[in-house]
Amino acid sequence: MDKITNALQCTTDTKELIIGEGVTAQTGKMFKKLFPGKKAIIVADNNTWIAAGKTVQSSLVSEAIKQDSPFIFTGDHFHAEWKYVEELEEVLKKTDAIAIAVGSGVINDLTKLVSRHCNKQYICVATAASMDGYTAFGSSITYQGNKQAYDCPAPVGCIFDPEIAAIAPKELAASGYADLIAKIPAGADWMLADAVGAEKLDEFSWNLVQNGLRESLSSPGAVLEGDIKATEALGEGLIMSGFAMQALQSSRPASGTEHQFSHCWDMENLSFEGQLVSHGFKVGIGTLVSTALIEFLLEEDFSVLDVENCVDVWKNWQETEKDIYRIFEGKPGHISRALYETKNKHVSKAELREQLNALKAAWPELKNKLQAQLIPFSEVRENLKQAGAPYEPEMIGISRERLLKTLGYIPYMRSRFANIDIVFRCGLMEKYATKLFGQGGIWEINKKNIN
């Protein structure tokens, strides 16, 4: 528990974390410690009420804590959408009760944002090892058709019971596993950003995510089988990732090129077999692409990079702006986002020269660090398969041609510097697209694959 204690000393919002079998029954004690004399209100859905809500309610009763009637979302397919923010806000703004979010990503994101709107703190009782957002700063909500990130504090207290999480629907842990393995290439992306001077690597946040990460990822098959210890390790890894984002008040420690695929598909409301595709499943496919791109980069010798050639062909902002309108023709939402995000990371020729010279100088040592950081593509795919997560794009409704098209979007979708920006700045996009989708490529496109 030393790692957790150390993390809690540096977090901005979360003051208490309890992980272990049966700890849901300690919710009342945590609430009483954090909010003495306050009233509670449980926020759940039909499933999470049965899984943990009743236990939480009983623990509050045992500590003589006053409660409002639980607020339970109904319906099988509700998600983190603005209309549900408004629905919950109507309840919480009329009471002085502190919310206890009992659930996974959707319940937590909704309660987190509404608590912020009501100038309140809240507690989270996590019911699945499904994502890293429990203890993260910020909330992801769909507004006017687009998934958007809203700044809001993390829960002041968090409880994770692996006994409950282990019997949650298998796709939840599979999604969490995919979200956690994404931290491997995301870490490599931060190394690259640090090397070129785009964003300095923060050692504390880095260590929160990366130390123990491989251990948390070591038993994908056991996670699928509902093994309690494997689920606990997965949950702890996800929570540590959330703490890192909370400490830095940024998703940088946990998000790189792979998440940009998810953000793009969020904007396109990606569904498969009548269901919205989970964040983790989208990130998992993005992780495969990102891992492949880093492996391609490791095949290059950037110590002899022709920097001046890259600078000569680099487009100014006006030219880049025209490219954005052309590439995203007919997609006004994508255009708006691409213009904003790309503008924030676009560099002049002089700045590009400085970045690439820094990459060139750092490459011999950096290459060794990247190789040590990466899990090989074949192993990532096998781990996703063993965890029950999608390991081919078609498994989330993405054809190979659509994946190729999305790859062309990614350099414009986020201002955060990632491996895709090395690929783009060095003029390697076409070369790597061929390695991915051309003859003999990982996802070779031919007449048989065309949809």
Protein backbone atom coordinates (compact mmCIF):
# COMPACT_ATOMS: atom_id res chain seq x y z
CA MET A 1 0.00 0.00 0.00
CA ASP A 2 3.03 2.32 0.07
CA LYS A 3 2.39 3.26 -3.54
CA ILE A 4 -1.17 4.30 -2.75
CA THR A 5 -0.10 6.27 0.32
CA ASN A 6 2.54 8.06 -1.71
CA ALA A 7 0.02 8.84 -4.45
CA LEU A 8 -2.53 10.24 -2.01
CA GLN A 9 0.07 12.65 -0.63
CA CYS A 10 0.38 14.28 -4.04
CA THR A 11 -3.16 14.16 -5.41
CA THR A 12 -5.13 17.38 -5.65
CA ASP A 13 -8.60 16.02 -4.89
CA THR A 14 -8.71 12.44 -3.61
CA LYS A 15 -7.92 12.04 0.09
CA GLU A 16 -9.00 8.45 0.74
CA LEU A 17 -8.72 5.23 -1.28
CA ILE A 18 -9.66 1.74 -0.13
CA ILE A 19 -8.99 -1.32 -2.31
CA GLY A 20 -9.79 -4.86 -1.23
CA GLU A 21 -12.36 -7.61 -0.97
CA GLY A 22 -15.47 -6.59 0.90
CA VAL A 23 -14.48 -2.94 1.29
CA THR A 24 -17.78 -1.64 -0.12
CA ALA A 25 -19.16 -2.16 3.40
CA GLN A 26 -16.70 0.52 4.58
CA THR A 27 -18.34 3.26 2.52
CA GLY A 28 -20.24 4.59 5.53
CA LYS A 29 -17.06 4.93 7.60
CA MET A 30 -15.28 6.72 4.76
CA PHE A 31 -18.23 9.08 4.26
CA LYS A 32 -18.40 9.89 7.98
CA LYS A 33 -14.67 10.67 8.04
CA LEU A 34 -14.71 12.84 4.93
CA PHE A 35 -18.09 14.53 5.42
CA PRO A 36 -18.90 14.57 9.14
CA GLY A 37 -22.49 15.60 9.81
CA LYS A 38 -23.40 15.62 6.12
CA LYS A 39 -26.26 13.83 4.39
CA ALA A 40 -25.64 11.32 1.55
CA ILE A 41 -27.41 10.43 -1.68
CA ILE A 42 -26.53 7.30 -3.66
CA VAL A 43 -26.38 7.65 -7.45
CA ALA A 44 -26.56 4.36 -9.35
CA ASP A 45 -28.29 2.53 -12.19
CA ASN A 46 -30.43 -0.57 -12.01
CA ASN A 47 -27.47 -2.93 -12.28
CA THR A 48 -25.03 -1.15 -9.97
CA TRP A 49 -27.73 -0.70 -7.36
CA ILE A 50 -28.05 -4.48 -7.18
CA ALA A 51 -24.27 -5.06 -7.39
CA ALA A 52 -23.22 -2.61 -4.68
CA GLY A 53 -25.85 0.05 -4.00
CA LYS A 54 -27.70 -1.89 -1.33
CA THR A 55 -24.44 -2.62 0.50
CA VAL A 56 -23.50 1.05 0.38
CA GLN A 57 -26.93 1.98 1.72
CA SER A 58 -26.59 -0.49 4.59
CA SER A 59 -23.15 0.85 5.47
CA LEU A 60 -24.57 4.38 5.69
CA VAL A 61 -27.37 3.16 7.94
CA SER A 62 -24.85 1.41 10.23
CA GLU A 63 -23.00 4.73 10.67
CA ALA A 64 -26.28 6.62 11.33
CA ILE A 65 -25.74 8.81 8.26
CA LYS A 66 -28.81 10.59 6.97
CA GLN A 67 -29.74 9.81 3.37
CA ASP A 68 -31.90 11.15 0.60
CA SER A 69 -33.70 8.53 -1.45
CA PRO A 70 -31.24 6.93 -3.91
CA PHE A 71 -31.26 8.34 -7.42
CA ILE A 72 -31.27 5.42 -9.83
CA PHE A 73 -30.94 5.88 -13.59
CA THR A 74 -33.28 3.57 -15.46
CA GLY A 75 -32.92 2.08 -18.93
CA ASP A 76 -30.41 -0.38 -20.33
CA HIS A 77 -28.45 1.81 -22.72
CA PHE A 78 -28.00 5.18 -21.04
CA HIS A 79 -24.54 6.70 -21.37
CA ALA A 80 -22.57 9.80 -20.41
CA GLU A 81 -24.72 12.22 -22.40
CA TRP A 82 -25.71 15.77 -21.54
CA LYS A 83 -29.41 15.03 -21.03
CA TYR A 84 -28.45 12.76 -18.13
CA VAL A 85 -26.26 15.52 -16.69
CA GLU A 86 -29.36 17.73 -16.65
CA GLU A 87 -31.47 14.95 -15.14
CA LEU A 88 -29.06 14.38 -12.26
CA GLU A 89 -28.46 18.08 -11.76
CA GLU A 90 -32.16 18.64 -11.20
CA VAL A 91 -31.90 16.31 -8.22
CA LEU A 92 -28.57 17.34 -6.69
CA LYS A 93 -29.15 21.08 -6.87
CA LYS A 94 -32.24 20.71 -4.66
CA THR A 95 -30.42 18.99 -1.80
CA ASP A 96 -27.40 19.57 0.41
CA ALA A 97 -26.61 15.84 0.26
CA ILE A 98 -23.20 14.61 -0.92
CA ALA A 99 -23.37 12.17 -3.82
CA ILE A 100 -21.94 8.66 -3.69
CA ALA A 101 -21.48 7.44 -7.26
CA VAL A 102 -21.98 3.68 -7.35
CA GLY A 103 -21.02 2.35 -10.76
CA SER A 104 -18.41 2.48 -13.47
CA GLY A 105 -17.49 5.07 -16.10
CA VAL A 106 -20.89 6.53 -16.96
CA ILE A 107 -22.13 6.95 -13.38
CA ASN A 108 -18.79 8.35 -12.26
CA ASP A 109 -18.49 10.88 -15.11
CA LEU A 110 -22.06 12.11 -14.67
CA THR A 111 -21.76 12.44 -10.88
CA LYS A 112 -18.34 14.08 -11.12
CA LEU A 113 -19.52 16.80 -13.48
CA VAL A 114 -22.84 17.46 -11.75
CA SER A 115 -21.12 17.65 -8.35
CA ARG A 116 -18.84 20.30 -9.81
CA HIS A 117 -21.84 22.20 -11.17
CA CYS A 118 -23.35 22.11 -7.65
CA ASN A 119 -20.05 23.12 -5.97
CA LYS A 120 -19.86 19.84 -4.10
CA GLN A 121 -17.42 17.01 -3.61
CA TYR A 122 -18.40 13.36 -3.99
CA ILE A 123 -17.35 9.77 -3.29
CA CYS A 124 -17.00 7.04 -5.89
CA VAL A 125 -17.67 3.35 -5.29
CA ALA A 126 -16.28 1.63 -8.38
CA THR A 127 -18.11 -1.51 -9.47
CA ALA A 128 -15.90 -2.57 -12.40
CA ALA A 129 -12.27 -2.44 -13.52
CA SER A 130 -13.42 -0.81 -16.73
CA MET A 131 -11.45 2.43 -17.19
CA ASP A 132 -8.98 4.82 -15.57
CA GLY A 133 -11.33 7.75 -15.05
CA TYR A 134 -12.48 7.00 -11.50
CA THR A 135 -9.71 9.03 -9.89
CA ALA A 136 -8.91 11.27 -12.86
CA PHE A 137 -9.36 15.02 -12.99
CA GLY A 138 -12.07 15.73 -15.57
CA SER A 139 -15.15 14.11 -17.01
CA SER A 140 -15.99 12.90 -20.54
CA ILE A 141 -19.54 13.73 -21.62
CA THR A 142 -21.23 13.71 -25.01
CA TYR A 143 -22.63 17.17 -25.79
CA GLN A 144 -24.37 18.02 -29.07
CA GLY A 145 -23.14 14.76 -30.57
CA ASN A 146 -19.47 15.20 -29.62
CA LYS A 147 -17.61 13.58 -26.72
CA GLN A 148 -16.05 16.44 -24.78
CA ALA A 149 -13.75 16.66 -21.77
CA TYR A 150 -14.88 18.90 -18.91
CA ASP A 151 -12.61 20.07 -16.12
CA CYS A 152 -13.89 18.92 -12.74
CA PRO A 153 -12.31 17.52 -9.57
CA ALA A 154 -11.87 13.82 -8.94
CA PRO A 155 -13.75 12.16 -6.07
CA VAL A 156 -12.56 13.01 -2.59
CA GLY A 157 -12.86 9.33 -1.71
CA CYS A 158 -12.77 6.15 -3.80
CA ILE A 159 -13.57 2.53 -2.98
CA PHE A 160 -12.74 -0.41 -5.25
CA ASP A 161 -13.92 -3.89 -4.31
CA PRO A 162 -12.39 -6.51 -6.67
CA GLU A 163 -14.89 -9.09 -5.46
CA ILE A 164 -17.69 -7.02 -6.99
CA ALA A 165 -15.67 -6.00 -10.06
CA ALA A 166 -14.73 -9.62 -10.78
CA ILE A 167 -18.37 -10.61 -11.34
CA ALA A 168 -19.26 -7.56 -13.43
CA PRO A 169 -19.99 -8.20 -17.11
CA LYS A 170 -16.81 -9.52 -18.73
CA GLU A 171 -16.72 -6.80 -21.36
CA LEU A 172 -16.15 -4.18 -18.64
CA ALA A 173 -12.88 -5.70 -17.40
CA ALA A 174 -11.88 -6.37 -21.02
CA SER A 175 -12.41 -2.68 -21.75
CA GLY A 176 -10.39 -1.74 -18.67
CA TYR A 177 -7.57 -4.04 -19.70
CA ALA A 178 -7.47 -2.43 -23.15
CA ASP A 179 -7.43 1.02 -21.57
CA LEU A 180 -4.55 0.02 -19.28
CA ILE A 181 -2.34 -1.59 -21.92
CA ALA A 182 -2.65 1.69 -23.82
CA LYS A 183 -0.39 3.25 -21.18
CA ILE A 184 2.56 1.42 -22.73
CA PRO A 185 2.61 3.30 -26.07
CA ALA A 186 1.28 6.42 -24.32
CA GLY A 187 4.42 6.33 -22.16
CA ALA A 188 6.58 6.01 -25.26
CA ASP A 189 4.78 9.00 -26.75
CA TRP A 190 5.62 11.10 -23.70
CA MET A 191 9.26 10.07 -24.06
CA LEU A 192 9.21 11.32 -27.65
CA ALA A 193 7.49 14.58 -26.66
CA ASP A 194 10.11 15.15 -23.97
CA ALA A 195 12.98 14.39 -26.36
CA VAL A 196 11.90 17.03 -28.91
CA GLY A 197 11.09 19.61 -26.24
CA ALA A 198 7.32 19.56 -26.82
CA GLU A 199 6.30 18.50 -23.29
CA LYS A 200 8.60 17.71 -20.40
CA LEU A 201 8.15 14.30 -18.79
CA ASP A 202 6.97 14.56 -15.17
CA GLU A 203 8.70 11.78 -13.24
CA PHE A 204 6.15 11.50 -10.43
CA SER A 205 3.17 11.14 -12.77
CA TRP A 206 5.17 8.88 -15.06
CA ASN A 207 6.06 6.55 -12.19
CA LEU A 208 2.50 6.43 -10.88
CA VAL A 209 1.39 4.96 -14.21
CA GLN A 210 4.40 2.95 -15.31
CA ASN A 211 5.71 1.41 -12.06
CA GLY A 212 3.91 -1.89 -11.66
CA LEU A 213 2.10 -1.52 -14.98
CA ARG A 214 3.40 -4.74 -16.49
CA GLU A 215 2.41 -6.62 -13.35
CA SER A 216 -1.13 -5.25 -13.65
CA LEU A 217 -1.20 -6.42 -17.28
CA SER A 218 0.38 -9.82 -16.66
CA SER A 219 -2.76 -11.98 -16.37
CA PRO A 220 -5.21 -11.10 -19.15
CA GLY A 221 -6.73 -14.57 -19.19
CA ALA A 222 -7.35 -14.47 -15.44
CA VAL A 223 -9.03 -11.09 -15.82
CA LEU A 224 -11.42 -12.60 -18.36
CA GLU A 225 -12.14 -15.51 -16.03
CA GLY A 226 -13.07 -13.13 -13.20
CA ASP A 227 -10.10 -13.95 -10.96
CA ILE A 228 -10.33 -11.62 -7.97
CA LYS A 229 -6.57 -11.04 -7.55
CA ALA A 230 -6.08 -10.33 -11.25
CA THR A 231 -9.06 -7.96 -11.19
CA GLU A 232 -7.62 -6.21 -8.14
CA ALA A 233 -4.26 -5.73 -9.91
CA LEU A 234 -6.02 -4.38 -12.99
CA GLY A 235 -8.17 -2.04 -10.91
CA GLU A 236 -5.20 -0.71 -8.98
CA GLY A 237 -3.31 -0.04 -12.21
CA LEU A 238 -6.27 1.92 -13.58
CA ILE A 239 -6.70 3.89 -10.36
CA MET A 240 -2.98 4.78 -10.28
CA SER A 241 -3.33 6.03 -13.85
CA GLY A 242 -6.22 8.21 -12.73
CA PHE A 243 -4.13 9.56 -9.85
CA ALA A 244 -1.37 10.50 -12.29
CA MET A 245 -3.84 12.47 -14.39
CA GLN A 246 -5.24 14.08 -11.24
CA ALA A 247 -1.80 15.08 -9.97
CA LEU A 248 -0.90 16.68 -13.31
CA GLN A 249 -4.48 17.82 -14.07
CA SER A 250 -3.93 16.44 -17.53
CA SER A 251 -4.43 13.12 -19.31
CA ARG A 252 -0.87 13.30 -20.64
CA PRO A 253 0.43 10.44 -18.42
CA ALA A 254 -2.19 8.05 -19.78
CA SER A 255 -3.01 9.17 -23.31
CA GLY A 256 -1.15 9.37 -26.61
CA THR A 257 -1.69 8.50 -30.25
CA GLU A 258 -3.88 5.52 -29.35
CA HIS A 259 -6.46 7.72 -27.60
CA GLN A 260 -6.71 9.98 -30.62
CA PHE A 261 -8.32 7.12 -32.55
CA SER A 262 -10.91 6.85 -29.79
CA HIS A 263 -11.55 10.61 -29.80
CA CYS A 264 -12.09 10.55 -33.55
CA TRP A 265 -14.52 7.62 -33.37
CA ASP A 266 -16.30 9.31 -30.47
CA MET A 267 -17.09 12.16 -32.84
CA GLU A 268 -18.44 9.64 -35.33
CA ASN A 269 -20.65 7.91 -32.70
CA LEU A 270 -19.04 4.56 -33.44
CA SER A 271 -21.51 1.74 -32.88
CA PHE A 272 -21.28 -1.97 -33.53
CA GLU A 273 -24.12 -4.46 -33.47
CA GLY A 274 -26.48 -1.81 -32.16
CA GLN A 275 -24.28 -0.72 -29.24
CA LEU A 276 -21.96 2.24 -28.77
CA VAL A 277 -18.40 0.90 -28.67
CA SER A 278 -16.76 1.34 -25.26
CA HIS A 279 -13.88 3.73 -24.72
CA GLY A 280 -11.51 0.88 -23.86
CA PHE A 281 -12.33 -1.12 -26.96
CA LYS A 282 -11.72 1.88 -29.23
CA VAL A 283 -8.48 2.65 -27.38
CA GLY A 284 -7.41 -1.00 -27.69
CA ILE A 285 -7.52 -0.87 -31.49
CA GLY A 286 -5.77 2.50 -31.37
CA THR A 287 -3.10 0.90 -29.18
CA LEU A 288 -2.40 -1.70 -31.85
CA VAL A 289 -1.91 1.01 -34.47
CA SER A 290 0.18 3.15 -32.15
CA THR A 291 2.37 0.20 -31.15
CA ALA A 292 2.96 -0.67 -34.81
CA LEU A 293 3.90 2.95 -35.60
CA ILE A 294 6.46 3.03 -32.78
CA GLU A 295 7.93 -0.27 -33.99
CA PHE A 296 8.25 1.27 -37.45
CA LEU A 297 9.99 4.30 -35.93
CA LEU A 298 12.44 2.00 -34.18
CA GLU A 299 13.44 0.60 -37.57
CA GLU A 300 14.59 4.09 -38.64
CA ASP A 301 17.95 5.66 -37.88
CA PHE A 302 17.02 9.18 -36.86
CA SER A 303 20.62 9.92 -35.95
CA VAL A 304 21.15 10.50 -39.69
CA LEU A 305 17.78 12.19 -40.33
CA ASP A 306 17.85 14.75 -43.15
CA VAL A 307 16.40 17.54 -41.07
CA GLU A 308 16.66 20.19 -43.77
CA ASN A 309 14.65 18.10 -46.21
CA CYS A 310 11.86 17.76 -43.62
CA VAL A 311 11.98 21.51 -43.00
CA ASP A 312 11.90 22.36 -46.71
CA VAL A 313 8.65 20.48 -47.32
CA TRP A 314 6.98 21.57 -44.06
CA LYS A 315 3.77 23.49 -44.71
CA ASN A 316 2.95 26.84 -43.14
CA TRP A 317 -0.32 27.34 -41.26
CA GLN A 318 -2.24 28.68 -44.25
CA GLU A 319 -1.33 25.60 -46.29
CA THR A 320 -2.13 23.30 -43.37
CA GLU A 321 -5.50 25.00 -42.93
CA LYS A 322 -6.36 24.26 -46.55
CA ASP A 323 -5.37 20.61 -46.03
CA ILE A 324 -7.73 20.38 -43.06
CA TYR A 325 -10.69 21.65 -45.08
CA ARG A 326 -9.85 19.20 -47.85
CA ILE A 327 -9.23 16.16 -45.66
CA PHE A 328 -12.37 16.67 -43.54
CA GLU A 329 -14.66 17.88 -46.31
CA GLY A 330 -18.28 17.37 -45.29
CA LYS A 331 -17.40 16.92 -41.60
CA PRO A 332 -17.87 20.35 -39.96
CA GLY A 333 -17.32 19.01 -36.44
CA HIS A 334 -14.04 17.41 -37.45
CA ILE A 335 -12.96 20.58 -39.26
CA SER A 336 -13.65 22.76 -36.21
CA ARG A 337 -11.74 20.44 -33.92
CA ALA A 338 -8.85 19.93 -36.33
CA LEU A 339 -8.39 23.66 -36.88
CA TYR A 340 -8.28 24.32 -33.13
CA GLU A 341 -6.08 21.38 -32.13
CA THR A 342 -3.64 21.60 -35.04
CA LYS A 343 -3.20 25.34 -34.65
CA ASN A 344 -2.13 24.76 -31.05
CA LYS A 345 0.71 22.44 -32.01
CA HIS A 346 1.70 23.80 -35.42
CA VAL A 347 5.30 24.97 -35.56
CA SER A 348 7.29 27.22 -37.84
CA LYS A 349 10.09 25.86 -40.00
CA ALA A 350 12.61 27.13 -37.45
CA GLU A 351 10.79 25.41 -34.61
CA LEU A 352 10.53 22.19 -36.61
CA ARG A 353 14.26 22.29 -37.25
CA GLU A 354 14.86 22.62 -33.53
CA GLN A 355 12.55 19.70 -32.71
CA LEU A 356 14.04 17.36 -35.29
CA ASN A 357 17.62 18.23 -34.40
CA ALA A 358 16.77 17.40 -30.79
CA LEU A 359 15.31 14.06 -31.92
CA LYS A 360 18.40 13.39 -34.01
CA ALA A 361 20.75 14.08 -31.10
CA ALA A 362 18.72 12.05 -28.61
CA TRP A 363 18.02 9.07 -30.87
CA PRO A 364 20.77 6.57 -29.93
CA GLU A 365 19.84 6.67 -26.22
CA LEU A 366 16.15 7.31 -26.83
CA LYS A 367 15.84 4.29 -29.13
CA ASN A 368 17.03 1.98 -26.34
CA LYS A 369 14.57 3.51 -23.88
CA LEU A 370 11.68 3.14 -26.33
CA GLN A 371 12.56 -0.47 -27.00
CA ALA A 372 12.57 -1.17 -23.26
CA GLN A 373 9.23 0.59 -22.86
CA LEU A 374 7.33 -1.12 -25.66
CA ILE A 375 5.40 -4.38 -25.53
CA PRO A 376 5.70 -5.96 -29.01
CA PHE A 377 2.69 -5.65 -31.31
CA SER A 378 2.13 -9.41 -31.47
CA GLU A 379 2.08 -9.63 -27.68
CA VAL A 380 -0.31 -6.69 -27.33
CA ARG A 381 -2.71 -8.32 -29.77
CA GLU A 382 -2.50 -11.67 -27.99
CA ASN A 383 -3.04 -10.05 -24.59
CA LEU A 384 -6.12 -8.21 -25.84
CA LYS A 385 -7.44 -11.49 -27.20
CA GLN A 386 -6.86 -13.31 -23.90
CA ALA A 387 -8.56 -10.51 -21.97
CA GLY A 388 -11.66 -10.78 -24.17
CA ALA A 389 -11.08 -7.41 -25.83
CA PRO A 390 -11.24 -6.73 -29.58
CA TYR A 391 -7.93 -7.37 -31.30
CA GLU A 392 -8.92 -6.66 -34.91
CA PRO A 393 -10.60 -3.43 -36.11
CA GLU A 394 -13.53 -5.30 -37.64
CA MET A 395 -14.44 -6.48 -34.14
CA ILE A 396 -15.61 -2.94 -33.32
CA GLY A 397 -17.13 -2.28 -36.72
CA ILE A 398 -14.09 -0.56 -38.27
CA SER A 399 -13.22 -1.79 -41.74
CA ARG A 400 -9.60 -1.70 -42.82
CA GLU A 401 -10.34 1.11 -45.24
CA ARG A 402 -11.97 3.13 -42.49
CA LEU A 403 -8.99 2.52 -40.21
CA LEU A 404 -6.68 3.75 -42.96
CA LYS A 405 -8.81 6.87 -43.40
CA THR A 406 -8.80 7.50 -39.65
CA LEU A 407 -5.01 7.22 -39.63
CA GLY A 408 -4.94 10.17 -42.03
CA TYR A 409 -7.07 12.18 -39.61
CA ILE A 410 -5.01 11.56 -36.50
CA PRO A 411 -2.20 14.13 -36.98
CA TYR A 412 -4.88 16.83 -36.83
CA MET A 413 -7.10 15.59 -34.00
CA ARG A 414 -5.22 16.59 -30.83
CA SER A 415 -2.70 19.26 -29.90
CA ARG A 416 -0.81 16.80 -27.69
CA PHE A 417 2.52 15.75 -29.21
CA ALA A 418 2.66 11.99 -29.81
CA ASN A 419 4.38 9.45 -32.05
CA ILE A 420 2.04 10.34 -34.93
CA ASP A 421 3.64 13.80 -34.90
CA ILE A 422 7.10 12.31 -35.41
CA VAL A 423 5.71 10.29 -38.30
CA PHE A 424 4.01 13.37 -39.76
CA ARG A 425 6.89 15.82 -39.27
CA CYS A 426 9.38 13.42 -40.82
CA GLY A 427 7.23 12.77 -43.90
CA LEU A 428 6.65 9.10 -43.07
CA MET A 429 2.84 8.94 -43.20
CA GLU A 430 2.57 7.37 -46.65
CA LYS A 431 5.41 4.93 -45.98
CA TYR A 432 3.86 3.70 -42.75
CA ALA A 433 0.34 3.55 -44.18
CA THR A 434 1.73 1.17 -46.80
CA LYS A 435 3.41 -0.93 -44.10
CA LEU A 436 0.10 -1.16 -42.29
CA PHE A 437 -2.35 -1.58 -45.15
CA GLY A 438 -0.34 -2.38 -48.26
CA GLN A 439 0.59 -5.78 -49.64
CA GLY A 440 1.86 -7.97 -46.83
CA GLY A 441 0.91 -5.33 -44.26
CA ILE A 442 -0.68 -5.93 -40.88
CA TRP A 443 -4.15 -5.08 -42.18
CA GLU A 444 -3.65 -5.62 -45.90
CA ILE A 445 -6.44 -4.05 -47.94
CA ASN A 446 -7.56 -5.92 -51.01
CA LYS A 447 -10.86 -6.50 -52.81
CA LYS A 448 -11.87 -9.08 -50.24
CA ASN A 449 -11.53 -6.54 -47.40
CA ILE A 450 -13.30 -3.64 -49.09
CA ASN A 451 -16.71 -2.83 -47.58
